[in-house]
Amino acid sequence: MRCAFVVRLEPKSSLPDELEGWVEEVDSGKECRFHSKDQLILFLQECRQAQLAGGPDAPASARDPDYRG
């Protein structure tokens, strides 16, 4: 599953002001604890950039255009 994330919000989070929780990129297994929406968005952007660049942390589907997994 490409570009899929699991996001868990802390019960004390009040949207949209105090967003806290945990996020994991499904393809790479990278995880991040965030304490603001800006931190969450930054993590998502970094993961997307890694996928587009086809770097070593990018999933096989991003590194190899012929990947059919």
C-alpha atoms as a PDB file:
ATOM      1  CA  MET A   1       0.000   0.000   0.000  1.00  0.00           C
ATOM      2  CA  ARG A   2       1.703   3.181  -1.151  1.00  0.00           C
ATOM      3  CA  CYS A   3       1.575   6.446   0.769  1.00  0.00           C
ATOM      4  CA  ALA A   4      -0.382   4.909   3.641  1.00  0.00           C
ATOM      5  CA  PHE A   5      -0.069   6.163   7.201  1.00  0.00           C
ATOM      6  CA  VAL A   6      -1.453   5.116  10.564  1.00  0.00           C
ATOM      7  CA  VAL A   7      -2.217   8.080  12.824  1.00  0.00           C
ATOM      8  CA  ARG A   8      -3.161   7.754  16.482  1.00  0.00           C
ATOM      9  CA  LEU A   9      -4.335  10.878  18.268  1.00  0.00           C
ATOM     10  CA  GLU A  10      -3.942  11.284  22.013  1.00  0.00           C
ATOM     11  CA  PRO A  11      -7.255  11.453  23.866  1.00  0.00           C
ATOM     12  CA  LYS A  12      -6.318  14.893  25.216  1.00  0.00           C
ATOM     13  CA  SER A  13      -5.934  16.284  21.685  1.00  0.00           C
ATOM     14  CA  SER A  14      -8.412  18.981  20.814  1.00  0.00           C
ATOM     15  CA  LEU A  15      -8.670  19.451  17.083  1.00  0.00           C
ATOM     16  CA  PRO A  16      -7.325  21.567  15.515  1.00  0.00           C
ATOM     17  CA  ASP A  17      -5.547  23.468  18.315  1.00  0.00           C
ATOM     18  CA  GLU A  18      -3.573  20.905  20.322  1.00  0.00           C
ATOM     19  CA  LEU A  19      -2.859  17.996  18.020  1.00  0.00           C
ATOM     20  CA  GLU A  20      -0.710  15.304  19.667  1.00  0.00           C
ATOM     21  CA  GLY A  21      -0.159  11.679  18.832  1.00  0.00           C
ATOM     22  CA  TRP A  22       1.862   9.156  16.866  1.00  0.00           C
ATOM     23  CA  VAL A  23       2.167   8.433  13.152  1.00  0.00           C
ATOM     24  CA  GLU A  24       3.709   5.548  11.211  1.00  0.00           C
ATOM     25  CA  GLU A  25       4.421   5.290   7.507  1.00  0.00           C
ATOM     26  CA  VAL A  26       3.184   1.817   6.582  1.00  0.00           C
ATOM     27  CA  ASP A  27       5.632   1.188   3.701  1.00  0.00           C
ATOM     28  CA  SER A  28       8.852   2.024   5.554  1.00  0.00           C
ATOM     29  CA  GLY A  29       7.853   1.517   9.176  1.00  0.00           C
ATOM     30  CA  LYS A  30       9.129   4.994  10.087  1.00  0.00           C
ATOM     31  CA  GLU A  31       7.452   6.363  13.181  1.00  0.00           C
ATOM     32  CA  CYS A  32       7.120   9.798  14.704  1.00  0.00           C
ATOM     33  CA  ARG A  33       5.650  11.186  17.892  1.00  0.00           C
ATOM     34  CA  PHE A  34       4.182  14.629  17.204  1.00  0.00           C
ATOM     35  CA  HIS A  35       3.056  17.446  19.462  1.00  0.00           C
ATOM     36  CA  SER A  36       1.562  19.781  16.866  1.00  0.00           C
ATOM     37  CA  LYS A  37      -0.068  19.694  13.471  1.00  0.00           C
ATOM     38  CA  ASP A  38       3.081  21.295  12.056  1.00  0.00           C
ATOM     39  CA  GLN A  39       5.220  18.381  13.277  1.00  0.00           C
ATOM     40  CA  LEU A  40       2.753  15.900  11.778  1.00  0.00           C
ATOM     41  CA  ILE A  41       2.741  17.698   8.428  1.00  0.00           C
ATOM     42  CA  LEU A  42       6.549  17.911   8.416  1.00  0.00           C
ATOM     43  CA  PHE A  43       6.811  14.138   8.949  1.00  0.00           C
ATOM     44  CA  LEU A  44       4.349  13.479   6.118  1.00  0.00           C
ATOM     45  CA  GLN A  45       6.264  15.810   3.807  1.00  0.00           C
ATOM     46  CA  GLU A  46       9.611  14.157   4.632  1.00  0.00           C
ATOM     47  CA  CYS A  47       8.196  10.706   3.945  1.00  0.00           C
ATOM     48  CA  ARG A  48       6.747  11.857   0.630  1.00  0.00           C
ATOM     49  CA  GLN A  49      10.044  13.462  -0.391  1.00  0.00           C
ATOM     50  CA  ALA A  50      11.890  10.199   0.389  1.00  0.00           C
ATOM     51  CA  GLN A  51       9.402   8.278  -1.760  1.00  0.00           C
ATOM     52  CA  LEU A  52       9.734  10.698  -4.667  1.00  0.00           C
ATOM     53  CA  ALA A  53      13.530  10.665  -4.436  1.00  0.00           C
ATOM     54  CA  GLY A  54      13.570   6.866  -4.383  1.00  0.00           C
ATOM     55  CA  GLY A  55      16.062   6.919  -1.525  1.00  0.00           C
ATOM     56  CA  PRO A  56      17.089   3.911   0.541  1.00  0.00           C
ATOM     57  CA  ASP A  57      14.249   4.532   2.989  1.00  0.00           C
ATOM     58  CA  ALA A  58      11.707   4.681   0.197  1.00  0.00           C
ATOM     59  CA  PRO A  59       9.560   1.599  -0.349  1.00  0.00           C
ATOM     60  CA  ALA A  60      10.439  -0.752  -3.191  1.00  0.00           C
ATOM     61  CA  SER A  61       7.514   0.607  -5.181  1.00  0.00           C
ATOM     62  CA  ALA A  62       9.113   4.069  -5.226  1.00  0.00           C
ATOM     63  CA  ARG A  63      12.643   2.848  -6.022  1.00  0.00           C
ATOM     64  CA  ASP A  64      11.698   0.528  -8.875  1.00  0.00           C
ATOM     65  CA  PRO A  65       9.120   1.631 -11.440  1.00  0.00           C
ATOM     66  CA  ASP A  66       8.649  -1.989 -12.517  1.00  0.00           C
ATOM     67  CA  TYR A  67       7.832  -3.174  -8.993  1.00  0.00           C
ATOM     68  CA  ARG A  68       4.466  -4.958  -8.938  1.00  0.00           C
ATOM     69  CA  GLY A  69       4.290  -6.029  -5.269  1.00  0.00           C
END
